[in-house]
């Protein structure tokens, strides 16, 4: 059975719902509590590639950090990625990865696309 990797924040209801969907399906899930560990820019770039989205599309634009750092006017992908490395709260969740594909679990049912 292939393992699904979930970038998970237990404090986020959408992230908990996405994880629950995978577990209810009886799938093997590796939970990455990314808020509790170091995340590199390389890891974020790899997830962006698998999601096939831009750095901004992975960002939570309603967070205070987004406004404080004035990221709305930032167009440099690397600077946006570095902001997510430094301020992990800016990363949308849950991110579910299986092999070379990934989906953003917003809404949580979107994770079913990988099954």
PDB file of N, CA and C in Angstrom:
ATOM      1  N   UNK A   1       0.853  -1.189   0.000  1.00  0.00           N
ATOM      2  CA  UNK A   1       0.000   0.000   0.000  1.00  0.00           C
ATOM      3  C   UNK A   1       0.893   1.243   0.000  1.00  0.00           C
ATOM      4  N   UNK A   2       0.609   2.190  -0.850  1.00  0.00           N
ATOM      5  CA  UNK A   2       1.373   3.433  -0.915  1.00  0.00           C
ATOM      6  C   UNK A   2       1.026   4.326   0.263  1.00  0.00           C
ATOM      7  N   UNK A   3       2.032   5.058   0.711  1.00  0.00           N
ATOM      8  CA  UNK A   3       1.832   5.966   1.830  1.00  0.00           C
ATOM      9  C   UNK A   3       1.439   7.347   1.328  1.00  0.00           C
ATOM     10  N   UNK A   4       0.504   7.930   2.015  1.00  0.00           N
ATOM     11  CA  UNK A   4       0.115   9.316   1.779  1.00  0.00           C
ATOM     12  C   UNK A   4       0.831  10.141   2.840  1.00  0.00           C
ATOM     13  N   UNK A   5       1.423  11.222   2.430  1.00  0.00           N
ATOM     14  CA  UNK A   5       2.079  12.132   3.360  1.00  0.00           C
ATOM     15  C   UNK A   5       1.177  13.348   3.524  1.00  0.00           C
ATOM     16  N   UNK A   6       0.913  13.714   4.768  1.00  0.00           N
ATOM     17  CA  UNK A   6       0.035  14.849   5.046  1.00  0.00           C
ATOM     18  C   UNK A   6       0.804  15.888   5.840  1.00  0.00           C
ATOM     19  N   UNK A   7       0.936  17.097   5.263  1.00  0.00           N
ATOM     20  CA  UNK A   7       1.458  18.233   6.008  1.00  0.00           C
ATOM     21  C   UNK A   7       0.278  18.725   6.827  1.00  0.00           C
ATOM     22  N   UNK A   8       0.349  18.503   8.124  1.00  0.00           N
ATOM     23  CA  UNK A   8      -0.810  18.646   8.998  1.00  0.00           C
ATOM     24  C   UNK A   8      -0.552  19.638  10.122  1.00  0.00           C
ATOM     25  N   UNK A   9      -1.573  20.444  10.396  1.00  0.00           N
ATOM     26  CA  UNK A   9      -1.570  21.315  11.569  1.00  0.00           C
ATOM     27  C   UNK A   9      -2.789  20.905  12.396  1.00  0.00           C
ATOM     28  N   UNK A  10      -2.567  20.219  13.532  1.00  0.00           N
ATOM     29  CA  UNK A  10      -3.691  19.733  14.332  1.00  0.00           C
ATOM     30  C   UNK A  10      -4.623  20.837  14.838  1.00  0.00           C
ATOM     31  N   UNK A  11      -4.173  22.070  14.867  1.00  0.00           N
ATOM     32  CA  UNK A  11      -5.009  23.179  15.330  1.00  0.00           C
ATOM     33  C   UNK A  11      -5.988  23.659  14.261  1.00  0.00           C
ATOM     34  N   UNK A  12      -5.826  23.187  13.033  1.00  0.00           N
ATOM     35  CA  UNK A  12      -6.651  23.625  11.908  1.00  0.00           C
ATOM     36  C   UNK A  12      -7.767  22.604  11.646  1.00  0.00           C
ATOM     37  N   UNK A  13      -9.005  23.065  11.665  1.00  0.00           N
ATOM     38  CA  UNK A  13     -10.138  22.153  11.459  1.00  0.00           C
ATOM     39  C   UNK A  13     -10.121  21.531  10.065  1.00  0.00           C
ATOM     40  N   UNK A  14      -9.755  22.296   9.046  1.00  0.00           N
ATOM     41  CA  UNK A  14      -9.707  21.749   7.677  1.00  0.00           C
ATOM     42  C   UNK A  14      -8.645  20.664   7.570  1.00  0.00           C
ATOM     43  N   UNK A  15      -7.519  20.890   8.228  1.00  0.00           N
ATOM     44  CA  UNK A  15      -6.448  19.907   8.222  1.00  0.00           C
ATOM     45  C   UNK A  15      -6.891  18.629   8.944  1.00  0.00           C
ATOM     46  N   UNK A  16      -7.552  18.771  10.079  1.00  0.00           N
ATOM     47  CA  UNK A  16      -8.065  17.601  10.807  1.00  0.00           C
ATOM     48  C   UNK A  16      -9.084  16.843   9.966  1.00  0.00           C
ATOM     49  N   UNK A  17      -9.947  17.564   9.256  1.00  0.00           N
ATOM     50  CA  UNK A  17     -10.955  16.918   8.413  1.00  0.00           C
ATOM     51  C   UNK A  17     -10.311  16.165   7.254  1.00  0.00           C
ATOM     52  N   UNK A  18      -9.310  16.757   6.624  1.00  0.00           N
ATOM     53  CA  UNK A  18      -8.627  16.099   5.503  1.00  0.00           C
ATOM     54  C   UNK A  18      -7.943  14.819   5.979  1.00  0.00           C
ATOM     55  N   UNK A  19      -7.271  14.888   7.121  1.00  0.00           N
ATOM     56  CA  UNK A  19      -6.618  13.707   7.682  1.00  0.00           C
ATOM     57  C   UNK A  19      -7.644  12.627   8.018  1.00  0.00           C
ATOM     58  N   UNK A  20      -8.768  13.020   8.590  1.00  0.00           N
ATOM     59  CA  UNK A  20      -9.820  12.061   8.942  1.00  0.00           C
ATOM     60  C   UNK A  20     -10.361  11.338   7.705  1.00  0.00           C
ATOM     61  N   UNK A  21     -10.507  12.051   6.606  1.00  0.00           N
ATOM     62  CA  UNK A  21     -10.994  11.435   5.363  1.00  0.00           C
ATOM     63  C   UNK A  21     -10.049  10.316   4.927  1.00  0.00           C
ATOM     64  N   UNK A  22      -8.755  10.590   4.960  1.00  0.00           N
ATOM     65  CA  UNK A  22      -7.769   9.574   4.560  1.00  0.00           C
ATOM     66  C   UNK A  22      -7.783   8.379   5.507  1.00  0.00           C
ATOM     67  N   UNK A  23      -7.868   8.666   6.802  1.00  0.00           N
ATOM     68  CA  UNK A  23      -7.877   7.582   7.784  1.00  0.00           C
ATOM     69  C   UNK A  23      -9.141   6.745   7.676  1.00  0.00           C
ATOM     70  N   UNK A  24     -10.284   7.389   7.410  1.00  0.00           N
ATOM     71  CA  UNK A  24     -11.546   6.650   7.246  1.00  0.00           C
ATOM     72  C   UNK A  24     -11.485   5.697   6.057  1.00  0.00           C
ATOM     73  N   UNK A  25     -10.683   6.047   5.062  1.00  0.00           N
ATOM     74  CA  UNK A  25     -10.519   5.186   3.883  1.00  0.00           C
ATOM     75  C   UNK A  25      -9.541   4.045   4.155  1.00  0.00           C
ATOM     76  N   UNK A  26      -8.945   4.032   5.358  1.00  0.00           N
ATOM     77  CA  UNK A  26      -8.016   2.962   5.717  1.00  0.00           C
ATOM     78  C   UNK A  26      -6.658   3.088   5.043  1.00  0.00           C
ATOM     79  N   UNK A  27      -6.302   4.301   4.649  1.00  0.00           N
ATOM     80  CA  UNK A  27      -5.051   4.515   3.933  1.00  0.00           C
ATOM     81  C   UNK A  27      -3.881   4.684   4.902  1.00  0.00           C
ATOM     82  N   UNK A  28      -2.707   4.292   4.452  1.00  0.00           N
ATOM     83  CA  UNK A  28      -1.483   4.465   5.230  1.00  0.00           C
ATOM     84  C   UNK A  28      -1.072   5.929   5.126  1.00  0.00           C
ATOM     85  N   UNK A  29      -1.017   6.608   6.276  1.00  0.00           N
ATOM     86  CA  UNK A  29      -0.775   8.046   6.293  1.00  0.00           C
ATOM     87  C   UNK A  29       0.435   8.371   7.165  1.00  0.00           C
ATOM     88  N   UNK A  30       1.366   9.108   6.588  1.00  0.00           N
ATOM     89  CA  UNK A  30       2.492   9.653   7.340  1.00  0.00           C
ATOM     90  C   UNK A  30       2.144  11.112   7.641  1.00  0.00           C
ATOM     91  N   UNK A  31       2.004  11.441   8.908  1.00  0.00           N
ATOM     92  CA  UNK A  31       1.629  12.793   9.313  1.00  0.00           C
ATOM     93  C   UNK A  31       2.891  13.606   9.583  1.00  0.00           C
ATOM     94  N   UNK A  32       2.999  14.734   8.870  1.00  0.00           N
ATOM     95  CA  UNK A  32       4.107  15.669   9.060  1.00  0.00           C
ATOM     96  C   UNK A  32       3.538  16.892   9.769  1.00  0.00           C
ATOM     97  N   UNK A  33       3.867  17.048  11.028  1.00  0.00           N
ATOM     98  CA  UNK A  33       3.421  18.231  11.767  1.00  0.00           C
ATOM     99  C   UNK A  33       4.421  19.354  11.472  1.00  0.00           C
ATOM    100  N   UNK A  34       4.201  19.991  10.336  1.00  0.00           N
ATOM    101  CA  UNK A  34       5.179  20.946   9.812  1.00  0.00           C
ATOM    102  C   UNK A  34       5.369  22.167  10.695  1.00  0.00           C
ATOM    103  N   UNK A  35       4.406  22.472  11.549  1.00  0.00           N
ATOM    104  CA  UNK A  35       4.568  23.607  12.451  1.00  0.00           C
ATOM    105  C   UNK A  35       5.606  23.312  13.533  1.00  0.00           C
ATOM    106  N   UNK A  36       5.867  22.033  13.787  1.00  0.00           N
ATOM    107  CA  UNK A  36       6.788  21.613  14.840  1.00  0.00           C
ATOM    108  C   UNK A  36       8.173  21.243  14.336  1.00  0.00           C
ATOM    109  N   UNK A  37       8.419  21.360  13.054  1.00  0.00           N
ATOM    110  CA  UNK A  37       9.724  20.983  12.515  1.00  0.00           C
ATOM    111  C   UNK A  37      10.215  22.032  11.534  1.00  0.00           C
ATOM    112  N   UNK A  38      11.490  21.961  11.249  1.00  0.00           N
ATOM    113  CA  UNK A  38      12.075  22.858  10.257  1.00  0.00           C
ATOM    114  C   UNK A  38      11.607  22.439   8.865  1.00  0.00           C
ATOM    115  N   UNK A  39      11.190  23.386   8.090  1.00  0.00           N
ATOM    116  CA  UNK A  39      10.809  23.157   6.695  1.00  0.00           C
ATOM    117  C   UNK A  39      11.763  23.996   5.849  1.00  0.00           C
ATOM    118  N   UNK A  40      12.372  23.378   4.864  1.00  0.00           N
ATOM    119  CA  UNK A  40      13.326  24.103   4.015  1.00  0.00           C
ATOM    120  C   UNK A  40      12.621  24.696   2.797  1.00  0.00           C
ATOM    121  N   UNK A  41      13.279  25.649   2.181  1.00  0.00           N
ATOM    122  CA  UNK A  41      12.730  26.219   0.946  1.00  0.00           C
ATOM    123  C   UNK A  41      12.666  25.140  -0.131  1.00  0.00           C
ATOM    124  N   UNK A  42      13.620  24.212  -0.117  1.00  0.00           N
ATOM    125  CA  UNK A  42      13.605  23.111  -1.082  1.00  0.00           C
ATOM    126  C   UNK A  42      12.379  22.227  -0.921  1.00  0.00           C
ATOM    127  N   UNK A  43      11.983  21.959   0.317  1.00  0.00           N
ATOM    128  CA  UNK A  43      10.791  21.144   0.565  1.00  0.00           C
ATOM    129  C   UNK A  43       9.538  21.864   0.068  1.00  0.00           C
ATOM    130  N   UNK A  44       9.472  23.166   0.311  1.00  0.00           N
ATOM    131  CA  UNK A  44       8.316  23.931  -0.156  1.00  0.00           C
ATOM    132  C   UNK A  44       8.294  23.975  -1.683  1.00  0.00           C
ATOM    133  N   UNK A  45       9.445  24.169  -2.296  1.00  0.00           N
ATOM    134  CA  UNK A  45       9.509  24.188  -3.769  1.00  0.00           C
ATOM    135  C   UNK A  45       9.053  22.851  -4.348  1.00  0.00           C
ATOM    136  N   UNK A  46       9.453  21.754  -3.714  1.00  0.00           N
ATOM    137  CA  UNK A  46       9.056  20.426  -4.187  1.00  0.00           C
ATOM    138  C   UNK A  46       7.539  20.238  -4.062  1.00  0.00           C
ATOM    139  N   UNK A  47       6.962  20.677  -2.966  1.00  0.00           N
ATOM    140  CA  UNK A  47       5.510  20.579  -2.792  1.00  0.00           C
ATOM    141  C   UNK A  47       4.795  21.457  -3.813  1.00  0.00           C
ATOM    142  N   UNK A  48       5.313  22.641  -4.046  1.00  0.00           N
ATOM    143  CA  UNK A  48       4.712  23.533  -5.051  1.00  0.00           C
ATOM    144  C   UNK A  48       4.720  22.875  -6.428  1.00  0.00           C
ATOM    145  N   UNK A  49       5.815  22.196  -6.748  1.00  0.00           N
ATOM    146  CA  UNK A  49       5.921  21.505  -8.038  1.00  0.00           C
ATOM    147  C   UNK A  49       4.860  20.404  -8.126  1.00  0.00           C
ATOM    148  N   UNK A  50       4.712  19.643  -7.041  1.00  0.00           N
ATOM    149  CA  UNK A  50       3.740  18.554  -7.039  1.00  0.00           C
ATOM    150  C   UNK A  50       2.307  19.077  -7.062  1.00  0.00           C
ATOM    151  N   UNK A  51       2.081  20.215  -6.421  1.00  0.00           N
ATOM    152  CA  UNK A  51       0.750  20.834  -6.440  1.00  0.00           C
ATOM    153  C   UNK A  51       0.476  21.544  -7.761  1.00  0.00           C
ATOM    154  N   UNK A  52       1.551  21.926  -8.457  1.00  0.00           N
ATOM    155  CA  UNK A  52       1.476  22.698  -9.694  1.00  0.00           C
ATOM    156  C   UNK A  52       0.793  24.049  -9.460  1.00  0.00           C
ATOM    157  N   UNK A  53       1.259  24.731  -8.403  1.00  0.00           N
ATOM    158  CA  UNK A  53       0.739  26.065  -8.084  1.00  0.00           C
ATOM    159  C   UNK A  53       1.906  26.997  -7.767  1.00  0.00           C
ATOM    160  N   UNK A  54       1.605  28.276  -7.683  1.00  0.00           N
ATOM    161  CA  UNK A  54       2.618  29.271  -7.319  1.00  0.00           C
ATOM    162  C   UNK A  54       2.739  29.349  -5.803  1.00  0.00           C
ATOM    163  N   UNK A  55       3.798  29.987  -5.346  1.00  0.00           N
ATOM    164  CA  UNK A  55       3.992  30.182  -3.908  1.00  0.00           C
ATOM    165  C   UNK A  55       2.823  30.958  -3.303  1.00  0.00           C
ATOM    166  N   UNK A  56       2.374  31.985  -3.977  1.00  0.00           N
ATOM    167  CA  UNK A  56       1.264  32.782  -3.438  1.00  0.00           C
ATOM    168  C   UNK A  56       0.007  31.936  -3.252  1.00  0.00           C
ATOM    169  N   UNK A  57      -0.239  30.998  -4.164  1.00  0.00           N
ATOM    170  CA  UNK A  57      -1.426  30.148  -4.060  1.00  0.00           C
ATOM    171  C   UNK A  57      -1.365  29.213  -2.848  1.00  0.00           C
ATOM    172  N   UNK A  58      -0.174  28.999  -2.317  1.00  0.00           N
ATOM    173  CA  UNK A  58      -0.014  28.155  -1.139  1.00  0.00           C
ATOM    174  C   UNK A  58      -0.110  28.964   0.152  1.00  0.00           C
ATOM    175  N   UNK A  59      -0.170  30.278   0.027  1.00  0.00           N
ATOM    176  CA  UNK A  59      -0.139  31.141   1.202  1.00  0.00           C
ATOM    177  C   UNK A  59      -1.521  31.455   1.749  1.00  0.00           C
ATOM    178  N   UNK A  60      -1.556  31.565   3.077  1.00  0.00           N
ATOM    179  CA  UNK A  60      -2.763  32.011   3.774  1.00  0.00           C
ATOM    180  C   UNK A  60      -2.696  33.536   3.830  1.00  0.00           C
ATOM    181  N   UNK A  61      -3.391  34.169   2.924  1.00  0.00           N
ATOM    182  CA  UNK A  61      -3.276  35.624   2.749  1.00  0.00           C
ATOM    183  C   UNK A  61      -4.039  36.423   3.794  1.00  0.00           C
ATOM    184  N   UNK A  62      -4.794  35.754   4.659  1.00  0.00           N
ATOM    185  CA  UNK A  62      -5.535  36.479   5.695  1.00  0.00           C
ATOM    186  C   UNK A  62      -4.783  36.525   7.023  1.00  0.00           C
ATOM    187  N   UNK A  63      -3.635  35.864   7.081  1.00  0.00           N
ATOM    188  CA  UNK A  63      -2.843  35.862   8.323  1.00  0.00           C
ATOM    189  C   UNK A  63      -2.215  37.235   8.560  1.00  0.00           C
ATOM    190  N   UNK A  64      -2.072  37.594   9.830  1.00  0.00           N
ATOM    191  CA  UNK A  64      -1.445  38.873  10.192  1.00  0.00           C
ATOM    192  C   UNK A  64      -0.039  38.993   9.617  1.00  0.00           C
ATOM    193  N   UNK A  65       0.711  37.886   9.615  1.00  0.00           N
ATOM    194  CA  UNK A  65       2.081  37.914   9.094  1.00  0.00           C
ATOM    195  C   UNK A  65       2.105  38.330   7.621  1.00  0.00           C
ATOM    196  N   UNK A  66       1.122  37.874   6.871  1.00  0.00           N
ATOM    197  CA  UNK A  66       1.043  38.223   5.445  1.00  0.00           C
ATOM    198  C   UNK A  66       0.945  39.740   5.283  1.00  0.00           C
ATOM    199  N   UNK A  67       0.111  40.344   6.109  1.00  0.00           N
ATOM    200  CA  UNK A  67      -0.070  41.799   6.040  1.00  0.00           C
ATOM    201  C   UNK A  67       1.135  42.534   6.606  1.00  0.00           C
ATOM    202  N   UNK A  68       1.644  42.081   7.751  1.00  0.00           N
ATOM    203  CA  UNK A  68       2.785  42.730   8.401  1.00  0.00           C
ATOM    204  C   UNK A  68       4.019  42.722   7.505  1.00  0.00           C
ATOM    205  N   UNK A  69       4.237  41.624   6.813  1.00  0.00           N
ATOM    206  CA  UNK A  69       5.398  41.492   5.923  1.00  0.00           C
ATOM    207  C   UNK A  69       5.167  42.132   4.552  1.00  0.00           C
ATOM    208  N   UNK A  70       3.965  42.692   4.357  1.00  0.00           N
ATOM    209  CA  UNK A  70       3.613  43.355   3.097  1.00  0.00           C
ATOM    210  C   UNK A  70       3.832  42.428   1.894  1.00  0.00           C
ATOM    211  N   UNK A  71       3.365  41.195   2.025  1.00  0.00           N
ATOM    212  CA  UNK A  71       3.579  40.203   0.965  1.00  0.00           C
ATOM    213  C   UNK A  71       2.640  40.370  -0.215  1.00  0.00           C
ATOM    214  N   UNK A  72       1.599  41.147  -0.041  1.00  0.00           N
ATOM    215  CA  UNK A  72       0.658  41.384  -1.139  1.00  0.00           C
ATOM    216  C   UNK A  72       1.366  41.977  -2.360  1.00  0.00           C
ATOM    217  N   UNK A  73       2.363  42.808  -2.109  1.00  0.00           N
ATOM    218  CA  UNK A  73       3.070  43.477  -3.199  1.00  0.00           C
ATOM    219  C   UNK A  73       4.351  42.759  -3.624  1.00  0.00           C
ATOM    220  N   UNK A  74       4.621  41.607  -3.009  1.00  0.00           N
ATOM    221  CA  UNK A  74       5.842  40.858  -3.330  1.00  0.00           C
ATOM    222  C   UNK A  74       5.582  39.928  -4.514  1.00  0.00           C
ATOM    223  N   UNK A  75       6.426  40.001  -5.538  1.00  0.00           N
ATOM    224  CA  UNK A  75       6.264  39.150  -6.713  1.00  0.00           C
ATOM    225  C   UNK A  75       7.372  38.120  -6.881  1.00  0.00           C
ATOM    226  N   UNK A  76       8.380  38.174  -6.045  1.00  0.00           N
ATOM    227  CA  UNK A  76       9.508  37.247  -6.119  1.00  0.00           C
ATOM    228  C   UNK A  76       9.116  35.932  -5.432  1.00  0.00           C
ATOM    229  N   UNK A  77       9.019  34.853  -6.228  1.00  0.00           N
ATOM    230  CA  UNK A  77       8.626  33.538  -5.701  1.00  0.00           C
ATOM    231  C   UNK A  77       9.534  33.105  -4.556  1.00  0.00           C
ATOM    232  N   UNK A  78      10.842  33.321  -4.706  1.00  0.00           N
ATOM    233  CA  UNK A  78      11.776  32.896  -3.668  1.00  0.00           C
ATOM    234  C   UNK A  78      11.552  33.641  -2.357  1.00  0.00           C
ATOM    235  N   UNK A  79      11.208  34.906  -2.435  1.00  0.00           N
ATOM    236  CA  UNK A  79      10.932  35.673  -1.209  1.00  0.00           C
ATOM    237  C   UNK A  79       9.644  35.190  -0.554  1.00  0.00           C
ATOM    238  N   UNK A  80       8.650  34.838  -1.349  1.00  0.00           N
ATOM    239  CA  UNK A  80       7.406  34.296  -0.792  1.00  0.00           C
ATOM    240  C   UNK A  80       7.667  32.946  -0.122  1.00  0.00           C
ATOM    241  N   UNK A  81       8.489  32.132  -0.759  1.00  0.00           N
ATOM    242  CA  UNK A  81       8.840  30.826  -0.192  1.00  0.00           C
ATOM    243  C   UNK A  81       9.605  31.012   1.115  1.00  0.00           C
ATOM    244  N   UNK A  82      10.560  31.921   1.130  1.00  0.00           N
ATOM    245  CA  UNK A  82      11.321  32.185   2.357  1.00  0.00           C
ATOM    246  C   UNK A  82      10.422  32.697   3.475  1.00  0.00           C
ATOM    247  N   UNK A  83       9.411  33.479   3.126  1.00  0.00           N
ATOM    248  CA  UNK A  83       8.453  33.941   4.136  1.00  0.00           C
ATOM    249  C   UNK A  83       7.724  32.746   4.751  1.00  0.00           C
ATOM    250  N   UNK A  84       7.387  31.734   3.930  1.00  0.00           N
ATOM    251  CA  UNK A  84       6.716  30.541   4.458  1.00  0.00           C
ATOM    252  C   UNK A  84       7.660  29.692   5.301  1.00  0.00           C
ATOM    253  N   UNK A  85       8.941  29.666   4.935  1.00  0.00           N
ATOM    254  CA  UNK A  85       9.931  28.937   5.738  1.00  0.00           C
ATOM    255  C   UNK A  85      10.026  29.564   7.125  1.00  0.00           C
ATOM    256  N   UNK A  86      10.057  30.880   7.161  1.00  0.00           N
ATOM    257  CA  UNK A  86      10.213  31.608   8.421  1.00  0.00           C
ATOM    258  C   UNK A  86       8.911  31.690   9.215  1.00  0.00           C
ATOM    259  N   UNK A  87       7.800  31.822   8.512  1.00  0.00           N
ATOM    260  CA  UNK A  87       6.483  31.980   9.138  1.00  0.00           C
ATOM    261  C   UNK A  87       5.574  30.861   8.626  1.00  0.00           C
ATOM    262  N   UNK A  88       5.727  29.676   9.198  1.00  0.00           N
ATOM    263  CA  UNK A  88       5.015  28.489   8.707  1.00  0.00           C
ATOM    264  C   UNK A  88       3.496  28.619   8.794  1.00  0.00           C
ATOM    265  N   UNK A  89       3.033  29.533   9.624  1.00  0.00           N
ATOM    266  CA  UNK A  89       1.597  29.780   9.737  1.00  0.00           C
ATOM    267  C   UNK A  89       1.005  30.249   8.401  1.00  0.00           C
ATOM    268  N   UNK A  90       1.858  30.761   7.514  1.00  0.00           N
ATOM    269  CA  UNK A  90       1.419  31.248   6.212  1.00  0.00           C
ATOM    270  C   UNK A  90       1.080  30.129   5.226  1.00  0.00           C
ATOM    271  N   UNK A  91       1.462  28.894   5.547  1.00  0.00           N
ATOM    272  CA  UNK A  91       1.264  27.770   4.623  1.00  0.00           C
ATOM    273  C   UNK A  91      -0.165  27.234   4.748  1.00  0.00           C
ATOM    274  N   UNK A  92      -0.854  27.140   3.607  1.00  0.00           N
ATOM    275  CA  UNK A  92      -2.194  26.536   3.567  1.00  0.00           C
ATOM    276  C   UNK A  92      -2.099  25.086   4.013  1.00  0.00           C
ATOM    277  N   UNK A  93      -3.170  24.563   4.557  1.00  0.00           N
ATOM    278  CA  UNK A  93      -3.181  23.181   4.997  1.00  0.00           C
ATOM    279  C   UNK A  93      -4.558  22.580   4.800  1.00  0.00           C
ATOM    280  N   UNK A  94      -4.621  21.358   4.735  1.00  0.00           N
ATOM    281  CA  UNK A  94      -3.581  20.341   4.744  1.00  0.00           C
ATOM    282  C   UNK A  94      -3.079  20.131   3.322  1.00  0.00           C
ATOM    283  N   UNK A  95      -1.819  19.748   3.229  1.00  0.00           N
ATOM    284  CA  UNK A  95      -1.241  19.368   1.951  1.00  0.00           C
ATOM    285  C   UNK A  95      -1.095  17.853   1.989  1.00  0.00           C
ATOM    286  N   UNK A  96      -1.623  17.171   0.977  1.00  0.00           N
ATOM    287  CA  UNK A  96      -1.529  15.717   0.913  1.00  0.00           C
ATOM    288  C   UNK A  96      -0.710  15.356  -0.316  1.00  0.00           C
ATOM    289  N   UNK A  97       0.328  14.546  -0.082  1.00  0.00           N
ATOM    290  CA  UNK A  97       1.250  14.146  -1.139  1.00  0.00           C
ATOM    291  C   UNK A  97       1.197  12.638  -1.288  1.00  0.00           C
ATOM    292  N   UNK A  98       1.148  12.197  -2.537  1.00  0.00           N
ATOM    293  CA  UNK A  98       1.265  10.773  -2.851  1.00  0.00           C
ATOM    294  C   UNK A  98       2.126  10.666  -4.099  1.00  0.00           C
ATOM    295  N   UNK A  99       3.320  10.155  -3.915  1.00  0.00           N
ATOM    296  CA  UNK A  99       4.234  10.035  -5.044  1.00  0.00           C
ATOM    297  C   UNK A  99       4.602  11.395  -5.591  1.00  0.00           C
ATOM    298  N   UNK A 100       4.360  11.591  -6.880  1.00  0.00           N
ATOM    299  CA  UNK A 100       4.738  12.827  -7.557  1.00  0.00           C
ATOM    300  C   UNK A 100       3.575  13.806  -7.692  1.00  0.00           C
ATOM    301  N   UNK A 101       2.498  13.543  -6.976  1.00  0.00           N
ATOM    302  CA  UNK A 101       1.304  14.414  -7.027  1.00  0.00           C
ATOM    303  C   UNK A 101       0.969  14.895  -5.621  1.00  0.00           C
ATOM    304  N   UNK A 102       0.272  16.012  -5.561  1.00  0.00           N
ATOM    305  CA  UNK A 102      -0.183  16.543  -4.276  1.00  0.00           C
ATOM    306  C   UNK A 102      -1.458  17.339  -4.500  1.00  0.00           C
ATOM    307  N   UNK A 103      -2.236  17.481  -3.430  1.00  0.00           N
ATOM    308  CA  UNK A 103      -3.416  18.337  -3.452  1.00  0.00           C
ATOM    309  C   UNK A 103      -3.454  19.127  -2.153  1.00  0.00           C
ATOM    310  N   UNK A 104      -4.078  20.261  -2.246  1.00  0.00           N
ATOM    311  CA  UNK A 104      -4.327  21.089  -1.082  1.00  0.00           C
ATOM    312  C   UNK A 104      -5.729  20.751  -0.592  1.00  0.00           C
ATOM    313  N   UNK A 105      -5.843  20.352   0.657  1.00  0.00           N
ATOM    314  CA  UNK A 105      -7.126  19.904   1.199  1.00  0.00           C
ATOM    315  C   UNK A 105      -8.066  21.037   1.564  1.00  0.00           C
ATOM    316  N   UNK A 106      -8.334  21.893   0.615  1.00  0.00           N
ATOM    317  CA  UNK A 106      -9.282  23.002   0.801  1.00  0.00           C
ATOM    318  C   UNK A 106     -10.210  23.014  -0.408  1.00  0.00           C
ATOM    319  N   UNK A 107     -11.407  22.522  -0.262  1.00  0.00           N
ATOM    320  CA  UNK A 107     -12.012  21.923   0.922  1.00  0.00           C
ATOM    321  C   UNK A 107     -11.397  20.549   1.210  1.00  0.00           C
ATOM    322  N   UNK A 108     -11.599  20.014   2.423  1.00  0.00           N
ATOM    323  CA  UNK A 108     -10.976  18.749   2.801  1.00  0.00           C
ATOM    324  C   UNK A 108     -11.256  17.595   1.835  1.00  0.00           C
ATOM    325  N   UNK A 109     -12.435  17.571   1.236  1.00  0.00           N
ATOM    326  CA  UNK A 109     -12.803  16.487   0.303  1.00  0.00           C
ATOM    327  C   UNK A 109     -11.903  16.441  -0.932  1.00  0.00           C
ATOM    328  N   UNK A 110     -11.176  17.488  -1.161  1.00  0.00           N
ATOM    329  CA  UNK A 110     -10.281  17.544  -2.324  1.00  0.00           C
ATOM    330  C   UNK A 110      -9.204  16.453  -2.241  1.00  0.00           C
ATOM    331  N   UNK A 111      -8.909  15.967  -1.035  1.00  0.00           N
ATOM    332  CA  UNK A 111      -7.901  14.920  -0.886  1.00  0.00           C
ATOM    333  C   UNK A 111      -8.318  13.633  -1.597  1.00  0.00           C
ATOM    334  N   UNK A 112      -9.594  13.467  -1.835  1.00  0.00           N
ATOM    335  CA  UNK A 112     -10.089  12.265  -2.528  1.00  0.00           C
ATOM    336  C   UNK A 112      -9.572  12.174  -3.952  1.00  0.00           C
ATOM    337  N   UNK A 113      -9.123  13.294  -4.507  1.00  0.00           N
ATOM    338  CA  UNK A 113      -8.580  13.303  -5.869  1.00  0.00           C
ATOM    339  C   UNK A 113      -7.326  12.446  -5.998  1.00  0.00           C
ATOM    340  N   UNK A 114      -6.615  12.211  -4.891  1.00  0.00           N
ATOM    341  CA  UNK A 114      -5.383  11.416  -4.934  1.00  0.00           C
ATOM    342  C   UNK A 114      -5.622   9.929  -4.753  1.00  0.00           C
ATOM    343  N   UNK A 115      -6.843   9.558  -4.381  1.00  0.00           N
ATOM    344  CA  UNK A 115      -7.122   8.132  -4.092  1.00  0.00           C
ATOM    345  C   UNK A 115      -7.443   7.394  -5.371  1.00  0.00           C
TER     346      UNK A 115
END
